[in-house]
Amino acid sequence: MGAKAQVLRDIRKRLSAEQFEVQRRAYLYVARNTTLPATVRHKAQLGLNALNGGEGRLGAVKSRCWETGRARGVMSKFGLCRALNGELPGVQKSSW
């Protein structure tokens, strides 16, 4: 599987997570509300787990470099990976 396929899959997961955000928040509110009965909270947790086959999770979204598709060493401010060192003017590797 090439980097392009991984980037496309990540974009699909981002869209899915955005689409189910309201429903996910509602399930979370019910599941964490301790004043509700345990059976209702349990059903909400099961609904949260089954939400869009697991693709609605925010943890499934991976930050990737927009240029290369690399998943590691991505600087979130720019959306680019550290492999592009020296190509961003004014940005240097930190050292302390």
PDB file of N, CA and C in Angstrom:
ATOM      1  N   MET A   1       0.844  -1.166   0.000  1.00  0.00           N
ATOM      2  CA  MET A   1       0.000   0.000   0.000  1.00  0.00           C
ATOM      3  C   MET A   1       0.890   1.230   0.000  1.00  0.00           C
ATOM      4  N   GLY A   2       0.693   2.094  -0.967  1.00  0.00           N
ATOM      5  CA  GLY A   2       1.530   3.280  -1.084  1.00  0.00           C
ATOM      6  C   GLY A   2       1.093   4.392  -0.155  1.00  0.00           C
ATOM      7  N   ALA A   3       1.911   5.421  -0.109  1.00  0.00           N
ATOM      8  CA  ALA A   3       1.638   6.554   0.771  1.00  0.00           C
ATOM      9  C   ALA A   3       0.351   7.263   0.363  1.00  0.00           C
ATOM     10  N   LYS A   4       0.056   7.274  -0.930  1.00  0.00           N
ATOM     11  CA  LYS A   4      -1.137   7.960  -1.393  1.00  0.00           C
ATOM     12  C   LYS A   4      -2.403   7.300  -0.844  1.00  0.00           C
ATOM     13  N   ALA A   5      -2.419   5.973  -0.813  1.00  0.00           N
ATOM     14  CA  ALA A   5      -3.570   5.248  -0.285  1.00  0.00           C
ATOM     15  C   ALA A   5      -3.749   5.530   1.208  1.00  0.00           C
ATOM     16  N   GLN A   6      -2.642   5.634   1.926  1.00  0.00           N
ATOM     17  CA  GLN A   6      -2.725   5.924   3.354  1.00  0.00           C
ATOM     18  C   GLN A   6      -3.257   7.330   3.598  1.00  0.00           C
ATOM     19  N   VAL A   7      -2.851   8.269   2.769  1.00  0.00           N
ATOM     20  CA  VAL A   7      -3.338   9.646   2.895  1.00  0.00           C
ATOM     21  C   VAL A   7      -4.831   9.693   2.601  1.00  0.00           C
ATOM     22  N   LEU A   8      -5.272   8.988   1.567  1.00  0.00           N
ATOM     23  CA  LEU A   8      -6.691   8.961   1.229  1.00  0.00           C
ATOM     24  C   LEU A   8      -7.513   8.317   2.336  1.00  0.00           C
ATOM     25  N   ARG A   9      -6.990   7.257   2.937  1.00  0.00           N
ATOM     26  CA  ARG A   9      -7.687   6.609   4.050  1.00  0.00           C
ATOM     27  C   ARG A   9      -7.787   7.548   5.235  1.00  0.00           C
ATOM     28  N   ASP A  10      -6.721   8.307   5.496  1.00  0.00           N
ATOM     29  CA  ASP A  10      -6.732   9.260   6.600  1.00  0.00           C
ATOM     30  C   ASP A  10      -7.751  10.374   6.352  1.00  0.00           C
ATOM     31  N   ILE A  11      -7.843  10.841   5.125  1.00  0.00           N
ATOM     32  CA  ILE A  11      -8.832  11.875   4.789  1.00  0.00           C
ATOM     33  C   ILE A  11     -10.237  11.337   4.999  1.00  0.00           C
ATOM     34  N   ARG A  12     -10.478  10.090   4.589  1.00  0.00           N
ATOM     35  CA  ARG A  12     -11.791   9.474   4.787  1.00  0.00           C
ATOM     36  C   ARG A  12     -12.131   9.374   6.269  1.00  0.00           C
ATOM     37  N   LYS A  13     -11.138   9.026   7.098  1.00  0.00           N
ATOM     38  CA  LYS A  13     -11.379   8.926   8.535  1.00  0.00           C
ATOM     39  C   LYS A  13     -11.648  10.290   9.158  1.00  0.00           C
ATOM     40  N   ARG A  14     -10.959  11.329   8.661  1.00  0.00           N
ATOM     41  CA  ARG A  14     -11.220  12.688   9.159  1.00  0.00           C
ATOM     42  C   ARG A  14     -12.649  13.119   8.852  1.00  0.00           C
ATOM     43  N   LEU A  15     -13.101  12.868   7.641  1.00  0.00           N
ATOM     44  CA  LEU A  15     -14.464  13.226   7.260  1.00  0.00           C
ATOM     45  C   LEU A  15     -15.486  12.448   8.080  1.00  0.00           C
ATOM     46  N   SER A  16     -15.203  11.177   8.303  1.00  0.00           N
ATOM     47  CA  SER A  16     -16.102  10.341   9.086  1.00  0.00           C
ATOM     48  C   SER A  16     -16.186  10.823  10.529  1.00  0.00           C
ATOM     49  N   ALA A  17     -15.044  11.159  11.112  1.00  0.00           N
ATOM     50  CA  ALA A  17     -15.030  11.643  12.497  1.00  0.00           C
ATOM     51  C   ALA A  17     -15.778  12.966  12.614  1.00  0.00           C
ATOM     52  N   GLU A  18     -15.640  13.822  11.609  1.00  0.00           N
ATOM     53  CA  GLU A  18     -16.346  15.106  11.619  1.00  0.00           C
ATOM     54  C   GLU A  18     -17.855  14.902  11.486  1.00  0.00           C
ATOM     55  N   GLN A  19     -18.241  13.948  10.666  1.00  0.00           N
ATOM     56  CA  GLN A  19     -19.657  13.681  10.423  1.00  0.00           C
ATOM     57  C   GLN A  19     -20.353  13.151  11.684  1.00  0.00           C
ATOM     58  N   PHE A  20     -19.677  12.328  12.464  1.00  0.00           N
ATOM     59  CA  PHE A  20     -20.287  11.690  13.626  1.00  0.00           C
ATOM     60  C   PHE A  20     -19.962  12.398  14.937  1.00  0.00           C
ATOM     61  N   GLU A  21     -19.399  13.604  14.879  1.00  0.00           N
ATOM     62  CA  GLU A  21     -18.960  14.296  16.091  1.00  0.00           C
ATOM     63  C   GLU A  21     -20.105  14.566  17.062  1.00  0.00           C
ATOM     64  N   VAL A  22     -21.254  15.054  16.581  1.00  0.00           N
ATOM     65  CA  VAL A  22     -22.381  15.375  17.462  1.00  0.00           C
ATOM     66  C   VAL A  22     -22.921  14.114  18.116  1.00  0.00           C
ATOM     67  N   GLN A  23     -23.080  13.074  17.327  1.00  0.00           N
ATOM     68  CA  GLN A  23     -23.582  11.811  17.869  1.00  0.00           C
ATOM     69  C   GLN A  23     -22.587  11.222  18.874  1.00  0.00           C
ATOM     70  N   ARG A  24     -21.315  11.331  18.592  1.00  0.00           N
ATOM     71  CA  ARG A  24     -20.293  10.820  19.499  1.00  0.00           C
ATOM     72  C   ARG A  24     -20.316  11.564  20.832  1.00  0.00           C
ATOM     73  N   ARG A  25     -20.467  12.883  20.771  1.00  0.00           N
ATOM     74  CA  ARG A  25     -20.541  13.684  22.005  1.00  0.00           C
ATOM     75  C   ARG A  25     -21.766  13.323  22.840  1.00  0.00           C
ATOM     76  N   ALA A  26     -22.902  13.059  22.173  1.00  0.00           N
ATOM     77  CA  ALA A  26     -24.122  12.673  22.896  1.00  0.00           C
ATOM     78  C   ALA A  26     -23.925  11.339  23.614  1.00  0.00           C
ATOM     79  N   TYR A  27     -23.340  10.370  22.901  1.00  0.00           N
ATOM     80  CA  TYR A  27     -23.060   9.071  23.530  1.00  0.00           C
ATOM     81  C   TYR A  27     -22.107   9.238  24.715  1.00  0.00           C
ATOM     82  N   LEU A  28     -21.086  10.059  24.557  1.00  0.00           N
ATOM     83  CA  LEU A  28     -20.130  10.278  25.644  1.00  0.00           C
ATOM     84  C   LEU A  28     -20.797  10.900  26.864  1.00  0.00           C
ATOM     85  N   TYR A  29     -21.680  11.865  26.619  1.00  0.00           N
ATOM     86  CA  TYR A  29     -22.374  12.521  27.726  1.00  0.00           C
ATOM     87  C   TYR A  29     -23.205  11.520  28.516  1.00  0.00           C
ATOM     88  N   VAL A  30     -23.942  10.665  27.813  1.00  0.00           N
ATOM     89  CA  VAL A  30     -24.787   9.671  28.485  1.00  0.00           C
ATOM     90  C   VAL A  30     -23.919   8.631  29.184  1.00  0.00           C
ATOM     91  N   ALA A  31     -22.853   8.172  28.517  1.00  0.00           N
ATOM     92  CA  ALA A  31     -22.011   7.118  29.089  1.00  0.00           C
ATOM     93  C   ALA A  31     -21.271   7.577  30.337  1.00  0.00           C
ATOM     94  N   ARG A  32     -20.967   8.870  30.437  1.00  0.00           N
ATOM     95  CA  ARG A  32     -20.208   9.377  31.590  1.00  0.00           C
ATOM     96  C   ARG A  32     -21.079   9.992  32.673  1.00  0.00           C
ATOM     97  N   ASN A  33     -22.383  10.059  32.441  1.00  0.00           N
ATOM     98  CA  ASN A  33     -23.297  10.629  33.415  1.00  0.00           C
ATOM     99  C   ASN A  33     -23.592   9.586  34.495  1.00  0.00           C
ATOM    100  N   THR A  34     -23.049   9.778  35.688  1.00  0.00           N
ATOM    101  CA  THR A  34     -23.176   8.778  36.753  1.00  0.00           C
ATOM    102  C   THR A  34     -24.543   8.780  37.418  1.00  0.00           C
ATOM    103  N   THR A  35     -25.388   9.758  37.136  1.00  0.00           N
ATOM    104  CA  THR A  35     -26.728   9.777  37.731  1.00  0.00           C
ATOM    105  C   THR A  35     -27.695   8.872  36.985  1.00  0.00           C
ATOM    106  N   LEU A  36     -27.347   8.440  35.788  1.00  0.00           N
ATOM    107  CA  LEU A  36     -28.196   7.550  34.997  1.00  0.00           C
ATOM    108  C   LEU A  36     -27.978   6.100  35.417  1.00  0.00           C
ATOM    109  N   PRO A  37     -28.974   5.235  35.160  1.00  0.00           N
ATOM    110  CA  PRO A  37     -28.805   3.812  35.486  1.00  0.00           C
ATOM    111  C   PRO A  37     -27.665   3.182  34.678  1.00  0.00           C
ATOM    112  N   ALA A  38     -27.092   2.150  35.248  1.00  0.00           N
ATOM    113  CA  ALA A  38     -25.942   1.486  34.630  1.00  0.00           C
ATOM    114  C   ALA A  38     -26.301   0.872  33.275  1.00  0.00           C
ATOM    115  N   THR A  39     -27.522   0.376  33.118  1.00  0.00           N
ATOM    116  CA  THR A  39     -27.895  -0.254  31.842  1.00  0.00           C
ATOM    117  C   THR A  39     -27.940   0.784  30.713  1.00  0.00           C
ATOM    118  N   VAL A  40     -28.444   1.976  31.017  1.00  0.00           N
ATOM    119  CA  VAL A  40     -28.505   3.044  30.009  1.00  0.00           C
ATOM    120  C   VAL A  40     -27.091   3.474  29.630  1.00  0.00           C
ATOM    121  N   ARG A  41     -26.235   3.622  30.624  1.00  0.00           N
ATOM    122  CA  ARG A  41     -24.848   4.013  30.367  1.00  0.00           C
ATOM    123  C   ARG A  41     -24.125   2.951  29.547  1.00  0.00           C
ATOM    124  N   HIS A  42     -24.405   1.686  29.848  1.00  0.00           N
ATOM    125  CA  HIS A  42     -23.768   0.589  29.119  1.00  0.00           C
ATOM    126  C   HIS A  42     -24.214   0.578  27.653  1.00  0.00           C
ATOM    127  N   LYS A  43     -25.506   0.808  27.410  1.00  0.00           N
ATOM    128  CA  LYS A  43     -26.002   0.852  26.035  1.00  0.00           C
ATOM    129  C   LYS A  43     -25.385   2.022  25.268  1.00  0.00           C
ATOM    130  N   ALA A  44     -25.208   3.138  25.954  1.00  0.00           N
ATOM    131  CA  ALA A  44     -24.564   4.288  25.308  1.00  0.00           C
ATOM    132  C   ALA A  44     -23.118   3.970  24.964  1.00  0.00           C
ATOM    133  N   GLN A  45     -22.428   3.255  25.838  1.00  0.00           N
ATOM    134  CA  GLN A  45     -21.036   2.879  25.571  1.00  0.00           C
ATOM    135  C   GLN A  45     -20.952   1.917  24.389  1.00  0.00           C
ATOM    136  N   LEU A  46     -21.897   0.983  24.309  1.00  0.00           N
ATOM    137  CA  LEU A  46     -21.916   0.064  23.169  1.00  0.00           C
ATOM    138  C   LEU A  46     -22.199   0.809  21.866  1.00  0.00           C
ATOM    139  N   GLY A  47     -23.095   1.779  21.930  1.00  0.00           N
ATOM    140  CA  GLY A  47     -23.379   2.596  20.755  1.00  0.00           C
ATOM    141  C   GLY A  47     -22.163   3.402  20.331  1.00  0.00           C
ATOM    142  N   LEU A  48     -21.431   3.899  21.299  1.00  0.00           N
ATOM    143  CA  LEU A  48     -20.214   4.650  21.010  1.00  0.00           C
ATOM    144  C   LEU A  48     -19.159   3.763  20.362  1.00  0.00           C
ATOM    145  N   ASN A  49     -19.044   2.546  20.846  1.00  0.00           N
ATOM    146  CA  ASN A  49     -18.066   1.609  20.284  1.00  0.00           C
ATOM    147  C   ASN A  49     -18.426   1.210  18.850  1.00  0.00           C
ATOM    148  N   ALA A  50     -19.712   1.112  18.563  1.00  0.00           N
ATOM    149  CA  ALA A  50     -20.161   0.662  17.245  1.00  0.00           C
ATOM    150  C   ALA A  50     -20.322   1.806  16.253  1.00  0.00           C
ATOM    151  N   LEU A  51     -20.050   3.014  16.670  1.00  0.00           N
ATOM    152  CA  LEU A  51     -20.275   4.181  15.826  1.00  0.00           C
ATOM    153  C   LEU A  51     -19.444   4.109  14.547  1.00  0.00           C
ATOM    154  N   ASN A  52     -20.107   3.925  13.428  1.00  0.00           N
ATOM    155  CA  ASN A  52     -19.482   3.882  12.104  1.00  0.00           C
ATOM    156  C   ASN A  52     -18.358   2.845  12.013  1.00  0.00           C
ATOM    157  N   GLY A  53     -18.527   1.735  12.629  1.00  0.00           N
ATOM    158  CA  GLY A  53     -17.541   0.658  12.529  1.00  0.00           C
ATOM    159  C   GLY A  53     -16.181   1.013  13.083  1.00  0.00           C
ATOM    160  N   GLY A  54     -16.120   1.951  14.015  1.00  0.00           N
ATOM    161  CA  GLY A  54     -14.861   2.347  14.618  1.00  0.00           C
ATOM    162  C   GLY A  54     -14.160   3.470  13.891  1.00  0.00           C
ATOM    163  N   GLU A  55     -14.652   3.865  12.714  1.00  0.00           N
ATOM    164  CA  GLU A  55     -13.992   4.933  11.969  1.00  0.00           C
ATOM    165  C   GLU A  55     -14.375   6.313  12.487  1.00  0.00           C
ATOM    166  N   GLY A  56     -15.402   6.392  13.318  1.00  0.00           N
ATOM    167  CA  GLY A  56     -15.803   7.676  13.860  1.00  0.00           C
ATOM    168  C   GLY A  56     -14.939   8.121  15.028  1.00  0.00           C
ATOM    169  N   ARG A  57     -13.986   7.280  15.409  1.00  0.00           N
ATOM    170  CA  ARG A  57     -13.109   7.619  16.533  1.00  0.00           C
ATOM    171  C   ARG A  57     -12.116   8.688  16.116  1.00  0.00           C
ATOM    172  N   LEU A  58     -11.854   9.615  17.022  1.00  0.00           N
ATOM    173  CA  LEU A  58     -10.845  10.626  16.734  1.00  0.00           C
ATOM    174  C   LEU A  58      -9.448  10.028  16.818  1.00  0.00           C
ATOM    175  N   GLY A  59      -9.300   8.937  17.570  1.00  0.00           N
ATOM    176  CA  GLY A  59      -7.998   8.286  17.675  1.00  0.00           C
ATOM    177  C   GLY A  59      -7.583   7.592  16.391  1.00  0.00           C
ATOM    178  N   ALA A  60      -8.537   7.357  15.500  1.00  0.00           N
ATOM    179  CA  ALA A  60      -8.211   6.708  14.230  1.00  0.00           C
ATOM    180  C   ALA A  60      -7.579   7.684  13.250  1.00  0.00           C
ATOM    181  N   VAL A  61      -7.723   8.970  13.534  1.00  0.00           N
ATOM    182  CA  VAL A  61      -7.178   9.994  12.644  1.00  0.00           C
ATOM    183  C   VAL A  61      -5.698  10.177  12.949  1.00  0.00           C
ATOM    184  N   LYS A  62      -4.877  10.089  11.928  1.00  0.00           N
ATOM    185  CA  LYS A  62      -3.428  10.199  12.069  1.00  0.00           C
ATOM    186  C   LYS A  62      -2.967  11.465  11.366  1.00  0.00           C
ATOM    187  N   SER A  63      -2.133  12.247  12.032  1.00  0.00           N
ATOM    188  CA  SER A  63      -1.615  13.433  11.355  1.00  0.00           C
ATOM    189  C   SER A  63      -0.516  12.996  10.395  1.00  0.00           C
ATOM    190  N   ARG A  64      -0.644  13.398   9.153  1.00  0.00           N
ATOM    191  CA  ARG A  64       0.299  13.018   8.113  1.00  0.00           C
ATOM    192  C   ARG A  64       0.836  14.242   7.406  1.00  0.00           C
ATOM    193  N   CYS A  65       2.026  14.102   6.858  1.00  0.00           N
ATOM    194  CA  CYS A  65       2.631  15.165   6.063  1.00  0.00           C
ATOM    195  C   CYS A  65       1.833  15.311   4.775  1.00  0.00           C
ATOM    196  N   TRP A  66       1.459  16.546   4.445  1.00  0.00           N
ATOM    197  CA  TRP A  66       0.666  16.763   3.242  1.00  0.00           C
ATOM    198  C   TRP A  66       1.489  16.577   1.975  1.00  0.00           C
ATOM    199  N   GLU A  67       2.784  16.669   2.077  1.00  0.00           N
ATOM    200  CA  GLU A  67       3.632  16.547   0.884  1.00  0.00           C
ATOM    201  C   GLU A  67       4.014  15.096   0.602  1.00  0.00           C
ATOM    202  N   THR A  68       4.476  14.380   1.650  1.00  0.00           N
ATOM    203  CA  THR A  68       5.011  13.038   1.437  1.00  0.00           C
ATOM    204  C   THR A  68       4.098  11.932   1.934  1.00  0.00           C
ATOM    205  N   GLY A  69       3.150  12.224   2.830  1.00  0.00           N
ATOM    206  CA  GLY A  69       2.283  11.203   3.394  1.00  0.00           C
ATOM    207  C   GLY A  69       2.890  10.514   4.598  1.00  0.00           C
ATOM    208  N   ARG A  70       4.062  10.961   5.035  1.00  0.00           N
ATOM    209  CA  ARG A  70       4.747  10.362   6.174  1.00  0.00           C
ATOM    210  C   ARG A  70       3.947  10.627   7.449  1.00  0.00           C
ATOM    211  N   ALA A  71       3.886   9.614   8.340  1.00  0.00           N
ATOM    212  CA  ALA A  71       3.074   9.724   9.551  1.00  0.00           C
ATOM    213  C   ALA A  71       3.886  10.110  10.780  1.00  0.00           C
ATOM    214  N   ARG A  72       5.183  10.036  10.690  1.00  0.00           N
ATOM    215  CA  ARG A  72       6.004  10.337  11.875  1.00  0.00           C
ATOM    216  C   ARG A  72       6.774  11.629  11.679  1.00  0.00           C
ATOM    217  N   GLY A  73       7.015  12.308  12.784  1.00  0.00           N
ATOM    218  CA  GLY A  73       7.805  13.531  12.748  1.00  0.00           C
ATOM    219  C   GLY A  73       7.095  14.684  12.068  1.00  0.00           C
ATOM    220  N   VAL A  74       5.764  14.715  12.159  1.00  0.00           N
ATOM    221  CA  VAL A  74       4.995  15.767  11.496  1.00  0.00           C
ATOM    222  C   VAL A  74       4.904  16.978  12.423  1.00  0.00           C
ATOM    223  N   MET A  75       5.303  18.143  11.902  1.00  0.00           N
ATOM    224  CA  MET A  75       5.174  19.388  12.662  1.00  0.00           C
ATOM    225  C   MET A  75       3.752  19.893  12.457  1.00  0.00           C
ATOM    226  N   SER A  76       2.949  19.888  13.523  1.00  0.00           N
ATOM    227  CA  SER A  76       1.529  20.186  13.386  1.00  0.00           C
ATOM    228  C   SER A  76       1.269  21.610  12.922  1.00  0.00           C
ATOM    229  N   LYS A  77       2.175  22.514  13.226  1.00  0.00           N
ATOM    230  CA  LYS A  77       1.973  23.909  12.827  1.00  0.00           C
ATOM    231  C   LYS A  77       1.955  24.068  11.309  1.00  0.00           C
ATOM    232  N   PHE A  78       2.726  23.248  10.626  1.00  0.00           N
ATOM    233  CA  PHE A  78       2.846  23.357   9.175  1.00  0.00           C
ATOM    234  C   PHE A  78       2.193  22.189   8.437  1.00  0.00           C
ATOM    235  N   GLY A  79       1.998  21.060   9.114  1.00  0.00           N
ATOM    236  CA  GLY A  79       1.468  19.878   8.455  1.00  0.00           C
ATOM    237  C   GLY A  79       2.488  19.179   7.590  1.00  0.00           C
ATOM    238  N   LEU A  80       3.764  19.455   7.847  1.00  0.00           N
ATOM    239  CA  LEU A  80       4.842  18.854   7.071  1.00  0.00           C
ATOM    240  C   LEU A  80       5.752  18.050   7.988  1.00  0.00           C
ATOM    241  N   CYS A  81       6.427  17.055   7.422  1.00  0.00           N
ATOM    242  CA  CYS A  81       7.285  16.206   8.239  1.00  0.00           C
ATOM    243  C   CYS A  81       8.692  16.782   8.323  1.00  0.00           C
ATOM    244  N   ARG A  82       9.419  16.257   9.266  1.00  0.00           N
ATOM    245  CA  ARG A  82      10.777  16.750   9.487  1.00  0.00           C
ATOM    246  C   ARG A  82      11.732  16.332   8.372  1.00  0.00           C
ATOM    247  N   ALA A  83      11.287  15.427   7.491  1.00  0.00           N
ATOM    248  CA  ALA A  83      12.121  15.019   6.365  1.00  0.00           C
ATOM    249  C   ALA A  83      12.330  16.175   5.400  1.00  0.00           C
ATOM    250  N   LEU A  84      11.501  17.205   5.509  1.00  0.00           N
ATOM    251  CA  LEU A  84      11.629  18.364   4.640  1.00  0.00           C
ATOM    252  C   LEU A  84      12.487  19.430   5.314  1.00  0.00           C
ATOM    253  N   ASN A  85      13.461  18.990   6.112  1.00  0.00           N
ATOM    254  CA  ASN A  85      14.336  19.926   6.827  1.00  0.00           C
ATOM    255  C   ASN A  85      15.030  20.879   5.865  1.00  0.00           C
ATOM    256  N   GLY A  86      15.059  22.128   6.256  1.00  0.00           N
ATOM    257  CA  GLY A  86      15.747  23.124   5.454  1.00  0.00           C
ATOM    258  C   GLY A  86      14.901  23.724   4.349  1.00  0.00           C
ATOM    259  N   GLU A  87      13.724  23.185   4.116  1.00  0.00           N
ATOM    260  CA  GLU A  87      12.886  23.682   3.034  1.00  0.00           C
ATOM    261  C   GLU A  87      11.880  24.727   3.506  1.00  0.00           C
ATOM    262  N   LEU A  88      11.743  24.888   4.809  1.00  0.00           N
ATOM    263  CA  LEU A  88      10.854  25.912   5.355  1.00  0.00           C
ATOM    264  C   LEU A  88      11.697  27.071   5.840  1.00  0.00           C
ATOM    265  N   PRO A  89      11.576  28.231   5.240  1.00  0.00           N
ATOM    266  CA  PRO A  89      12.418  29.350   5.660  1.00  0.00           C
ATOM    267  C   PRO A  89      12.092  29.800   7.075  1.00  0.00           C
ATOM    268  N   GLY A  90      13.135  29.965   7.870  1.00  0.00           N
ATOM    269  CA  GLY A  90      12.982  30.438   9.246  1.00  0.00           C
ATOM    270  C   GLY A  90      12.682  29.349  10.252  1.00  0.00           C
ATOM    271  N   VAL A  91      12.564  28.106   9.823  1.00  0.00           N
ATOM    272  CA  VAL A  91      12.265  26.996  10.734  1.00  0.00           C
ATOM    273  C   VAL A  91      13.533  26.151  10.874  1.00  0.00           C
ATOM    274  N   GLN A  92      13.951  25.967  12.122  1.00  0.00           N
ATOM    275  CA  GLN A  92      15.140  25.162  12.389  1.00  0.00           C
ATOM    276  C   GLN A  92      14.794  24.084  13.399  1.00  0.00           C
ATOM    277  N   LYS A  93      15.593  23.047  13.401  1.00  0.00           N
ATOM    278  CA  LYS A  93      15.443  21.992  14.393  1.00  0.00           C
ATOM    279  C   LYS A  93      15.802  22.558  15.753  1.00  0.00           C
ATOM    280  N   SER A  94      14.929  22.291  16.732  1.00  0.00           N
ATOM    281  CA  SER A  94      15.202  22.844  18.054  1.00  0.00           C
ATOM    282  C   SER A  94      16.309  22.055  18.760  1.00  0.00           C
ATOM    283  N   SER A  95      17.078  22.769  19.559  1.00  0.00           N
ATOM    284  CA  SER A  95      18.105  22.104  20.347  1.00  0.00           C
ATOM    285  C   SER A  95      18.291  22.899  21.632  1.00  0.00           C
ATOM    286  N   TRP A  96      18.346  22.176  22.735  1.00  0.00           N
ATOM    287  CA  TRP A  96      18.518  22.855  24.020  1.00  0.00           C
ATOM    288  C   TRP A  96      19.364  22.037  24.948  1.00  0.00           C
TER     289      TRP A  96
END
